[in-house]
Amino acid sequence: LGELGVTHVVVDARHMPEAAVNRVAGYPQLQLMFTDGWL
């Protein structure tokens, strides 16, 4: 993601394993900005 220059990540929790969604909190460079249901 850093190589691609990505600045924002949209996570659709409906279509990801719950364990992967929970691992997002372990990465301090990902800061939650907004939540809308599963997104």
PDB file of all heavy atoms in Angstrom:
ATOM      1  N   LEU A   1       0.836  -1.198   0.000  1.00  0.00           N
ATOM      2  CA  LEU A   1       0.000   0.000   0.000  1.00  0.00           C
ATOM      3  C   LEU A   1       0.872   1.250   0.000  1.00  0.00           C
ATOM      4  O   LEU A   1       0.565   2.233  -0.684  1.00  0.00           O
ATOM      5  CB  LEU A   1      -0.953  -0.001   1.198  1.00  0.00           C
ATOM      6  CG  LEU A   1      -2.032  -1.086   1.194  1.00  0.00           C
ATOM      7  CD1 LEU A   1      -2.877  -0.995   2.451  1.00  0.00           C
ATOM      8  CD2 LEU A   1      -2.899  -1.010  -0.054  1.00  0.00           C
ATOM      9  N   GLY A   2       1.966   1.203   0.757  1.00  0.00           N
ATOM     10  CA  GLY A   2       2.901   2.322   0.760  1.00  0.00           C
ATOM     11  C   GLY A   2       3.538   2.537  -0.606  1.00  0.00           C
ATOM     12  O   GLY A   2       3.665   3.669  -1.070  1.00  0.00           O
ATOM     13  N   GLU A   3       3.920   1.450  -1.276  1.00  0.00           N
ATOM     14  CA  GLU A   3       4.511   1.546  -2.612  1.00  0.00           C
ATOM     15  C   GLU A   3       3.538   2.152  -3.617  1.00  0.00           C
ATOM     16  O   GLU A   3       3.931   2.889  -4.516  1.00  0.00           O
ATOM     17  CB  GLU A   3       4.921   0.156  -3.109  1.00  0.00           C
ATOM     18  CG  GLU A   3       6.069  -0.475  -2.378  1.00  0.00           C
ATOM     19  CD  GLU A   3       6.251  -1.946  -2.751  1.00  0.00           C
ATOM     20  OE1 GLU A   3       5.647  -2.399  -3.755  1.00  0.00           O
ATOM     21  OE2 GLU A   3       6.986  -2.640  -2.033  1.00  0.00           O
ATOM     22  N   LEU A   4       2.252   1.836  -3.452  1.00  0.00           N
ATOM     23  CA  LEU A   4       1.229   2.329  -4.366  1.00  0.00           C
ATOM     24  C   LEU A   4       0.819   3.768  -4.060  1.00  0.00           C
ATOM     25  O   LEU A   4       0.061   4.366  -4.820  1.00  0.00           O
ATOM     26  CB  LEU A   4      -0.008   1.421  -4.315  1.00  0.00           C
ATOM     27  CG  LEU A   4       0.191   0.000  -4.826  1.00  0.00           C
ATOM     28  CD1 LEU A   4      -1.028  -0.864  -4.514  1.00  0.00           C
ATOM     29  CD2 LEU A   4       0.463   0.011  -6.335  1.00  0.00           C
ATOM     30  N   GLY A   5       1.271   4.303  -2.931  1.00  0.00           N
ATOM     31  CA  GLY A   5       0.906   5.661  -2.557  1.00  0.00           C
ATOM     32  C   GLY A   5      -0.487   5.787  -1.978  1.00  0.00           C
ATOM     33  O   GLY A   5      -1.075   6.867  -1.984  1.00  0.00           O
ATOM     34  N   VAL A   6      -1.014   4.680  -1.477  1.00  0.00           N
ATOM     35  CA  VAL A   6      -2.370   4.676  -0.921  1.00  0.00           C
ATOM     36  C   VAL A   6      -2.414   5.543   0.331  1.00  0.00           C
ATOM     37  O   VAL A   6      -1.554   5.447   1.197  1.00  0.00           O
ATOM     38  CB  VAL A   6      -2.822   3.225  -0.610  1.00  0.00           C
ATOM     39  CG1 VAL A   6      -4.133   3.213   0.167  1.00  0.00           C
ATOM     40  CG2 VAL A   6      -2.951   2.439  -1.901  1.00  0.00           C
ATOM     41  N   THR A   7      -3.434   6.401   0.402  1.00  0.00           N
ATOM     42  CA  THR A   7      -3.613   7.280   1.559  1.00  0.00           C
ATOM     43  C   THR A   7      -4.836   6.908   2.392  1.00  0.00           C
ATOM     44  O   THR A   7      -4.930   7.288   3.546  1.00  0.00           O
ATOM     45  CB  THR A   7      -3.759   8.747   1.112  1.00  0.00           C
ATOM     46  OG1 THR A   7      -4.896   8.857   0.238  1.00  0.00           O
ATOM     47  CG2 THR A   7      -2.496   9.232   0.401  1.00  0.00           C
ATOM     48  N   HIS A   8      -5.786   6.176   1.773  1.00  0.00           N
ATOM     49  CA  HIS A   8      -7.018   5.802   2.475  1.00  0.00           C
ATOM     50  C   HIS A   8      -7.414   4.377   2.092  1.00  0.00           C
ATOM     51  O   HIS A   8      -7.271   3.979   0.931  1.00  0.00           O
ATOM     52  CB  HIS A   8      -8.155   6.762   2.127  1.00  0.00           C
ATOM     53  CG  HIS A   8      -7.910   8.149   2.650  1.00  0.00           C
ATOM     54  ND1 HIS A   8      -7.097   9.044   1.996  1.00  0.00           N
ATOM     55  CD2 HIS A   8      -8.351   8.761   3.771  1.00  0.00           C
ATOM     56  CE1 HIS A   8      -7.055  10.165   2.695  1.00  0.00           C
ATOM     57  NE2 HIS A   8      -7.801  10.025   3.770  1.00  0.00           N
ATOM     58  N   VAL A   9      -7.925   3.656   3.090  1.00  0.00           N
ATOM     59  CA  VAL A   9      -8.332   2.272   2.891  1.00  0.00           C
ATOM     60  C   VAL A   9      -9.789   2.135   3.309  1.00  0.00           C
ATOM     61  O   VAL A   9     -10.162   2.515   4.427  1.00  0.00           O
ATOM     62  CB  VAL A   9      -7.468   1.302   3.730  1.00  0.00           C
ATOM     63  CG1 VAL A   9      -7.912  -0.139   3.518  1.00  0.00           C
ATOM     64  CG2 VAL A   9      -5.993   1.466   3.391  1.00  0.00           C
ATOM     65  N   VAL A  10     -10.607   1.603   2.400  1.00  0.00           N
ATOM     66  CA  VAL A  10     -11.995   1.282   2.716  1.00  0.00           C
ATOM     67  C   VAL A  10     -12.044  -0.214   3.001  1.00  0.00           C
ATOM     68  O   VAL A  10     -11.625  -1.017   2.174  1.00  0.00           O
ATOM     69  CB  VAL A  10     -12.943   1.629   1.544  1.00  0.00           C
ATOM     70  CG1 VAL A  10     -14.365   1.191   1.859  1.00  0.00           C
ATOM     71  CG2 VAL A  10     -12.890   3.112   1.231  1.00  0.00           C
ATOM     72  N   VAL A  11     -12.532  -0.569   4.172  1.00  0.00           N
ATOM     73  CA  VAL A  11     -12.627  -1.978   4.565  1.00  0.00           C
ATOM     74  C   VAL A  11     -14.104  -2.362   4.576  1.00  0.00           C
ATOM     75  O   VAL A  11     -14.905  -1.749   5.275  1.00  0.00           O
ATOM     76  CB  VAL A  11     -11.989  -2.225   5.950  1.00  0.00           C
ATOM     77  CG1 VAL A  11     -12.256  -3.643   6.415  1.00  0.00           C
ATOM     78  CG2 VAL A  11     -10.495  -1.949   5.893  1.00  0.00           C
ATOM     79  N   ASP A  12     -14.451  -3.360   3.782  1.00  0.00           N
ATOM     80  CA  ASP A  12     -15.812  -3.904   3.774  1.00  0.00           C
ATOM     81  C   ASP A  12     -15.793  -5.160   4.636  1.00  0.00           C
ATOM     82  O   ASP A  12     -15.417  -6.243   4.179  1.00  0.00           O
ATOM     83  CB  ASP A  12     -16.242  -4.221   2.352  1.00  0.00           C
ATOM     84  CG  ASP A  12     -17.709  -4.631   2.264  1.00  0.00           C
ATOM     85  OD1 ASP A  12     -18.321  -4.942   3.318  1.00  0.00           O
ATOM     86  OD2 ASP A  12     -18.249  -4.638   1.142  1.00  0.00           O
ATOM     87  N   ALA A  13     -16.186  -5.006   5.890  1.00  0.00           N
ATOM     88  CA  ALA A  13     -16.094  -6.098   6.863  1.00  0.00           C
ATOM     89  C   ALA A  13     -17.007  -7.264   6.528  1.00  0.00           C
ATOM     90  O   ALA A  13     -16.791  -8.372   7.014  1.00  0.00           O
ATOM     91  CB  ALA A  13     -16.407  -5.567   8.264  1.00  0.00           C
ATOM     92  N   ARG A  14     -18.026  -7.053   5.699  1.00  0.00           N
ATOM     93  CA  ARG A  14     -18.910  -8.162   5.308  1.00  0.00           C
ATOM     94  C   ARG A  14     -18.175  -9.220   4.516  1.00  0.00           C
ATOM     95  O   ARG A  14     -18.526 -10.391   4.560  1.00  0.00           O
ATOM     96  CB  ARG A  14     -20.064  -7.659   4.427  1.00  0.00           C
ATOM     97  CG  ARG A  14     -21.104  -6.868   5.100  1.00  0.00           C
ATOM     98  CD  ARG A  14     -22.056  -6.360   4.073  1.00  0.00           C
ATOM     99  NE  ARG A  14     -21.301  -5.494   3.146  1.00  0.00           N
ATOM    100  CZ  ARG A  14     -21.844  -4.760   2.206  1.00  0.00           C
ATOM    101  NH1 ARG A  14     -23.135  -4.799   2.023  1.00  0.00           N
ATOM    102  NH2 ARG A  14     -21.108  -3.992   1.440  1.00  0.00           N
ATOM    103  N   HIS A  15     -17.190  -8.786   3.745  1.00  0.00           N
ATOM    104  CA  HIS A  15     -16.538  -9.692   2.810  1.00  0.00           C
ATOM    105  C   HIS A  15     -15.112 -10.059   3.201  1.00  0.00           C
ATOM    106  O   HIS A  15     -14.363 -10.568   2.372  1.00  0.00           O
ATOM    107  CB  HIS A  15     -16.561  -9.072   1.411  1.00  0.00           C
ATOM    108  CG  HIS A  15     -17.952  -8.839   0.919  1.00  0.00           C
ATOM    109  ND1 HIS A  15     -18.424  -7.599   0.604  1.00  0.00           N
ATOM    110  CD2 HIS A  15     -18.994  -9.692   0.743  1.00  0.00           C
ATOM    111  CE1 HIS A  15     -19.680  -7.695   0.233  1.00  0.00           C
ATOM    112  NE2 HIS A  15     -20.053  -8.951   0.304  1.00  0.00           N
ATOM    113  N   MET A  16     -14.764  -9.776   4.449  1.00  0.00           N
ATOM    114  CA  MET A  16     -13.437 -10.149   4.945  1.00  0.00           C
ATOM    115  C   MET A  16     -13.598 -11.068   6.144  1.00  0.00           C
ATOM    116  O   MET A  16     -14.570 -10.942   6.888  1.00  0.00           O
ATOM    117  CB  MET A  16     -12.653  -8.902   5.375  1.00  0.00           C
ATOM    118  CG  MET A  16     -12.164  -8.074   4.214  1.00  0.00           C
ATOM    119  SD  MET A  16     -11.201  -6.646   4.749  1.00  0.00           S
ATOM    120  CE  MET A  16      -9.804  -7.419   5.531  1.00  0.00           C
ATOM    121  N   PRO A  17     -12.653 -11.965   6.350  1.00  0.00           N
ATOM    122  CA  PRO A  17     -12.711 -12.795   7.555  1.00  0.00           C
ATOM    123  C   PRO A  17     -12.661 -11.908   8.801  1.00  0.00           C
ATOM    124  O   PRO A  17     -11.968 -10.886   8.831  1.00  0.00           O
ATOM    125  CB  PRO A  17     -11.459 -13.668   7.458  1.00  0.00           C
ATOM    126  CG  PRO A  17     -11.046 -13.614   6.032  1.00  0.00           C
ATOM    127  CD  PRO A  17     -11.517 -12.301   5.499  1.00  0.00           C
ATOM    128  N   GLU A  18     -13.412 -12.293   9.815  1.00  0.00           N
ATOM    129  CA  GLU A  18     -13.475 -11.499  11.043  1.00  0.00           C
ATOM    130  C   GLU A  18     -12.090 -11.307  11.660  1.00  0.00           C
ATOM    131  O   GLU A  18     -11.766 -10.236  12.177  1.00  0.00           O
ATOM    132  CB  GLU A  18     -14.417 -12.163  12.048  1.00  0.00           C
ATOM    133  CG  GLU A  18     -14.677 -11.316  13.263  1.00  0.00           C
ATOM    134  CD  GLU A  18     -15.700 -11.946  14.198  1.00  0.00           C
ATOM    135  OE1 GLU A  18     -16.418 -12.873  13.776  1.00  0.00           O
ATOM    136  OE2 GLU A  18     -15.765 -11.499  15.348  1.00  0.00           O
ATOM    137  N   ALA A  19     -11.261 -12.339  11.592  1.00  0.00           N
ATOM    138  CA  ALA A  19      -9.907 -12.243  12.150  1.00  0.00           C
ATOM    139  C   ALA A  19      -9.113 -11.143  11.445  1.00  0.00           C
ATOM    140  O   ALA A  19      -8.369 -10.388  12.087  1.00  0.00           O
ATOM    141  CB  ALA A  19      -9.184 -13.574  12.029  1.00  0.00           C
ATOM    142  N   ALA A  20      -9.263 -11.017  10.123  1.00  0.00           N
ATOM    143  CA  ALA A  20      -8.553  -9.978   9.375  1.00  0.00           C
ATOM    144  C   ALA A  20      -9.059  -8.594   9.766  1.00  0.00           C
ATOM    145  O   ALA A  20      -8.274  -7.662   9.943  1.00  0.00           O
ATOM    146  CB  ALA A  20      -8.713 -10.197   7.876  1.00  0.00           C
ATOM    147  N   VAL A  21     -10.363  -8.457   9.918  1.00  0.00           N
ATOM    148  CA  VAL A  21     -10.946  -7.176  10.321  1.00  0.00           C
ATOM    149  C   VAL A  21     -10.427  -6.792  11.704  1.00  0.00           C
ATOM    150  O   VAL A  21     -10.085  -5.628  11.947  1.00  0.00           O
ATOM    151  CB  VAL A  21     -12.487  -7.240  10.291  1.00  0.00           C
ATOM    152  CG1 VAL A  21     -13.091  -5.973  10.871  1.00  0.00           C
ATOM    153  CG2 VAL A  21     -12.991  -7.485   8.873  1.00  0.00           C
ATOM    154  N   ASN A  22     -10.325  -7.753  12.604  1.00  0.00           N
ATOM    155  CA  ASN A  22      -9.843  -7.481  13.955  1.00  0.00           C
ATOM    156  C   ASN A  22      -8.352  -7.125  13.967  1.00  0.00           C
ATOM    157  O   ASN A  22      -7.904  -6.371  14.822  1.00  0.00           O
ATOM    158  CB  ASN A  22     -10.103  -8.668  14.880  1.00  0.00           C
ATOM    159  CG  ASN A  22     -11.589  -8.879  15.115  1.00  0.00           C
ATOM    160  OD1 ASN A  22     -12.393  -7.950  14.995  1.00  0.00           O
ATOM    161  ND2 ASN A  22     -11.962 -10.107  15.430  1.00  0.00           N
ATOM    162  N   ARG A  23      -7.571  -7.651  13.017  1.00  0.00           N
ATOM    163  CA  ARG A  23      -6.136  -7.350  12.953  1.00  0.00           C
ATOM    164  C   ARG A  23      -5.848  -5.909  12.542  1.00  0.00           C
ATOM    165  O   ARG A  23      -4.766  -5.399  12.787  1.00  0.00           O
ATOM    166  CB  ARG A  23      -5.436  -8.292  11.964  1.00  0.00           C
ATOM    167  CG  ARG A  23      -5.126  -9.658  12.523  1.00  0.00           C
ATOM    168  CD  ARG A  23      -4.098 -10.411  11.677  1.00  0.00           C
ATOM    169  NE  ARG A  23      -4.226 -10.274  10.239  1.00  0.00           N
ATOM    170  CZ  ARG A  23      -4.886 -11.117   9.444  1.00  0.00           C
ATOM    171  NH1 ARG A  23      -5.503 -12.165   9.955  1.00  0.00           N
ATOM    172  NH2 ARG A  23      -4.935 -10.923   8.143  1.00  0.00           N
ATOM    173  N   VAL A  24      -6.818  -5.248  11.928  1.00  0.00           N
ATOM    174  CA  VAL A  24      -6.610  -3.868  11.488  1.00  0.00           C
ATOM    175  C   VAL A  24      -6.209  -2.992  12.669  1.00  0.00           C
ATOM    176  O   VAL A  24      -5.342  -2.117  12.541  1.00  0.00           O
ATOM    177  CB  VAL A  24      -7.869  -3.308  10.790  1.00  0.00           C
ATOM    178  CG1 VAL A  24      -7.750  -1.814  10.542  1.00  0.00           C
ATOM    179  CG2 VAL A  24      -8.119  -4.053   9.484  1.00  0.00           C
ATOM    180  N   ALA A  25      -6.788  -3.228  13.838  1.00  0.00           N
ATOM    181  CA  ALA A  25      -6.465  -2.431  15.025  1.00  0.00           C
ATOM    182  C   ALA A  25      -5.003  -2.565  15.432  1.00  0.00           C
ATOM    183  O   ALA A  25      -4.465  -1.690  16.110  1.00  0.00           O
ATOM    184  CB  ALA A  25      -7.370  -2.838  16.189  1.00  0.00           C
ATOM    185  N   GLY A  26      -4.336  -3.619  15.030  1.00  0.00           N
ATOM    186  CA  GLY A  26      -2.934  -3.836  15.378  1.00  0.00           C
ATOM    187  C   GLY A  26      -1.966  -3.044  14.516  1.00  0.00           C
ATOM    188  O   GLY A  26      -0.757  -3.139  14.714  1.00  0.00           O
ATOM    189  N   TYR A  27      -2.450  -2.277  13.583  1.00  0.00           N
ATOM    190  CA  TYR A  27      -1.602  -1.480  12.704  1.00  0.00           C
ATOM    191  C   TYR A  27      -1.846  -0.002  12.977  1.00  0.00           C
ATOM    192  O   TYR A  27      -2.835   0.569  12.519  1.00  0.00           O
ATOM    193  CB  TYR A  27      -1.859  -1.828  11.232  1.00  0.00           C
ATOM    194  CG  TYR A  27      -1.249  -3.154  10.884  1.00  0.00           C
ATOM    195  CD1 TYR A  27      -1.933  -4.344  11.119  1.00  0.00           C
ATOM    196  CD2 TYR A  27       0.040  -3.216  10.378  1.00  0.00           C
ATOM    197  CE1 TYR A  27      -1.345  -5.566  10.846  1.00  0.00           C
ATOM    198  CE2 TYR A  27       0.636  -4.428  10.098  1.00  0.00           C
ATOM    199  CZ  TYR A  27      -0.062  -5.600  10.337  1.00  0.00           C
ATOM    200  OH  TYR A  27       0.530  -6.797  10.076  1.00  0.00           O
ATOM    201  N   PRO A  28      -0.948   0.621  13.745  1.00  0.00           N
ATOM    202  CA  PRO A  28      -1.160   2.019  14.145  1.00  0.00           C
ATOM    203  C   PRO A  28      -1.182   2.996  12.975  1.00  0.00           C
ATOM    204  O   PRO A  28      -1.703   4.095  13.110  1.00  0.00           O
ATOM    205  CB  PRO A  28       0.015   2.308  15.084  1.00  0.00           C
ATOM    206  CG  PRO A  28       1.030   1.276  14.778  1.00  0.00           C
ATOM    207  CD  PRO A  28       0.301   0.079  14.266  1.00  0.00           C
ATOM    208  N   GLN A  29      -0.644   2.615  11.804  1.00  0.00           N
ATOM    209  CA  GLN A  29      -0.688   3.532  10.676  1.00  0.00           C
ATOM    210  C   GLN A  29      -2.085   3.606  10.039  1.00  0.00           C
ATOM    211  O   GLN A  29      -2.336   4.469   9.217  1.00  0.00           O
ATOM    212  CB  GLN A  29       0.381   3.195   9.636  1.00  0.00           C
ATOM    213  CG  GLN A  29       0.271   1.860   8.970  1.00  0.00           C
ATOM    214  CD  GLN A  29       1.065   0.771   9.666  1.00  0.00           C
ATOM    215  OE1 GLN A  29       0.928   0.567  10.859  1.00  0.00           O
ATOM    216  NE2 GLN A  29       1.886   0.068   8.916  1.00  0.00           N
ATOM    217  N   LEU A  30      -2.985   2.702  10.450  1.00  0.00           N
ATOM    218  CA  LEU A  30      -4.376   2.751   9.988  1.00  0.00           C
ATOM    219  C   LEU A  30      -5.219   3.441  11.059  1.00  0.00           C
ATOM    220  O   LEU A  30      -5.423   2.900  12.143  1.00  0.00           O
ATOM    221  CB  LEU A  30      -4.908   1.340   9.725  1.00  0.00           C
ATOM    222  CG  LEU A  30      -4.337   0.622   8.507  1.00  0.00           C
ATOM    223  CD1 LEU A  30      -4.747  -0.843   8.508  1.00  0.00           C
ATOM    224  CD2 LEU A  30      -4.779   1.302   7.219  1.00  0.00           C
ATOM    225  N   GLN A  31      -5.699   4.636  10.756  1.00  0.00           N
ATOM    226  CA  GLN A  31      -6.501   5.408  11.698  1.00  0.00           C
ATOM    227  C   GLN A  31      -7.941   5.450  11.217  1.00  0.00           C
ATOM    228  O   GLN A  31      -8.223   5.919  10.103  1.00  0.00           O
ATOM    229  CB  GLN A  31      -5.958   6.844  11.806  1.00  0.00           C
ATOM    230  CG  GLN A  31      -4.541   6.927  12.326  1.00  0.00           C
ATOM    231  CD  GLN A  31      -4.447   6.428  13.763  1.00  0.00           C
ATOM    232  OE1 GLN A  31      -5.262   6.788  14.604  1.00  0.00           O
ATOM    233  NE2 GLN A  31      -3.454   5.601  14.036  1.00  0.00           N
ATOM    234  N   LEU A  32      -8.867   4.959  12.045  1.00  0.00           N
ATOM    235  CA  LEU A  32     -10.284   4.942  11.685  1.00  0.00           C
ATOM    236  C   LEU A  32     -10.791   6.374  11.531  1.00  0.00           C
ATOM    237  O   LEU A  32     -10.650   7.193  12.424  1.00  0.00           O
ATOM    238  CB  LEU A  32     -11.090   4.190  12.742  1.00  0.00           C
ATOM    239  CG  LEU A  32     -12.579   4.028  12.454  1.00  0.00           C
ATOM    240  CD1 LEU A  32     -12.807   3.179  11.207  1.00  0.00           C
ATOM    241  CD2 LEU A  32     -13.282   3.405  13.654  1.00  0.00           C
ATOM    242  N   MET A  33     -11.412   6.660  10.381  1.00  0.00           N
ATOM    243  CA  MET A  33     -11.961   7.993  10.113  1.00  0.00           C
ATOM    244  C   MET A  33     -13.481   8.011  10.159  1.00  0.00           C
ATOM    245  O   MET A  33     -14.082   8.983  10.598  1.00  0.00           O
ATOM    246  CB  MET A  33     -11.544   8.481   8.710  1.00  0.00           C
ATOM    247  CG  MET A  33     -10.114   8.848   8.543  1.00  0.00           C
ATOM    248  SD  MET A  33      -9.778   9.377   6.832  1.00  0.00           S
ATOM    249  CE  MET A  33     -10.780  10.845   6.686  1.00  0.00           C
ATOM    250  N   PHE A  34     -14.098   6.928   9.651  1.00  0.00           N
ATOM    251  CA  PHE A  34     -15.557   6.939   9.493  1.00  0.00           C
ATOM    252  C   PHE A  34     -16.046   5.500   9.416  1.00  0.00           C
ATOM    253  O   PHE A  34     -15.380   4.637   8.859  1.00  0.00           O
ATOM    254  CB  PHE A  34     -15.934   7.687   8.204  1.00  0.00           C
ATOM    255  CG  PHE A  34     -17.394   7.970   8.052  1.00  0.00           C
ATOM    256  CD1 PHE A  34     -17.962   9.078   8.667  1.00  0.00           C
ATOM    257  CD2 PHE A  34     -18.205   7.138   7.301  1.00  0.00           C
ATOM    258  CE1 PHE A  34     -19.306   9.350   8.528  1.00  0.00           C
ATOM    259  CE2 PHE A  34     -19.555   7.400   7.153  1.00  0.00           C
ATOM    260  CZ  PHE A  34     -20.109   8.515   7.770  1.00  0.00           C
ATOM    261  N   THR A  35     -17.220   5.257   9.968  1.00  0.00           N
ATOM    262  CA  THR A  35     -17.851   3.942   9.893  1.00  0.00           C
ATOM    263  C   THR A  35     -19.282   4.120   9.408  1.00  0.00           C
ATOM    264  O   THR A  35     -19.988   5.019   9.854  1.00  0.00           O
ATOM    265  CB  THR A  35     -17.871   3.266  11.278  1.00  0.00           C
ATOM    266  OG1 THR A  35     -16.533   3.138  11.747  1.00  0.00           O
ATOM    267  CG2 THR A  35     -18.495   1.891  11.208  1.00  0.00           C
ATOM    268  N   ASP A  36     -19.691   3.264   8.490  1.00  0.00           N
ATOM    269  CA  ASP A  36     -21.070   3.260   8.007  1.00  0.00           C
ATOM    270  C   ASP A  36     -21.494   1.798   7.869  1.00  0.00           C
ATOM    271  O   ASP A  36     -21.303   1.183   6.830  1.00  0.00           O
ATOM    272  CB  ASP A  36     -21.184   3.986   6.679  1.00  0.00           C
ATOM    273  CG  ASP A  36     -22.635   4.136   6.219  1.00  0.00           C
ATOM    274  OD1 ASP A  36     -23.550   3.861   7.015  1.00  0.00           O
ATOM    275  OD2 ASP A  36     -22.845   4.532   5.056  1.00  0.00           O
ATOM    276  N   GLY A  37     -22.026   1.259   8.938  1.00  0.00           N
ATOM    277  CA  GLY A  37     -22.408  -0.153   8.933  1.00  0.00           C
ATOM    278  C   GLY A  37     -21.179  -1.034   8.807  1.00  0.00           C
ATOM    279  O   GLY A  37     -20.260  -0.950   9.605  1.00  0.00           O
ATOM    280  N   TRP A  38     -21.142  -1.852   7.767  1.00  0.00           N
ATOM    281  CA  TRP A  38     -20.027  -2.765   7.538  1.00  0.00           C
ATOM    282  C   TRP A  38     -18.815  -2.068   6.936  1.00  0.00           C
ATOM    283  O   TRP A  38     -17.713  -2.602   6.941  1.00  0.00           O
ATOM    284  CB  TRP A  38     -20.457  -3.887   6.598  1.00  0.00           C
ATOM    285  CG  TRP A  38     -21.454  -4.811   7.189  1.00  0.00           C
ATOM    286  CD1 TRP A  38     -22.809  -4.775   7.005  1.00  0.00           C
ATOM    287  CD2 TRP A  38     -21.206  -5.908   8.060  1.00  0.00           C
ATOM    288  NE1 TRP A  38     -23.405  -5.784   7.699  1.00  0.00           N
ATOM    289  CE2 TRP A  38     -22.444  -6.508   8.362  1.00  0.00           C
ATOM    290  CE3 TRP A  38     -20.057  -6.448   8.613  1.00  0.00           C
ATOM    291  CZ2 TRP A  38     -22.563  -7.604   9.183  1.00  0.00           C
ATOM    292  CZ3 TRP A  38     -20.183  -7.557   9.431  1.00  0.00           C
ATOM    293  CH2 TRP A  38     -21.421  -8.121   9.712  1.00  0.00           C
ATOM    294  N   LEU A  39     -19.015  -0.889   6.383  1.00  0.00           N
ATOM    295  CA  LEU A  39     -17.915  -0.176   5.736  1.00  0.00           C
ATOM    296  C   LEU A  39     -17.168   0.688   6.741  1.00  0.00           C
ATOM    297  O   LEU A  39     -17.776   1.388   7.551  1.00  0.00           O
ATOM    298  CB  LEU A  39     -18.445   0.715   4.611  1.00  0.00           C
ATOM    299  CG  LEU A  39     -18.973   0.003   3.381  1.00  0.00           C
ATOM    300  CD1 LEU A  39     -19.567   1.004   2.409  1.00  0.00           C
ATOM    301  CD2 LEU A  39     -17.873  -0.802   2.710  1.00  0.00           C
TER     302      LEU A  39
END
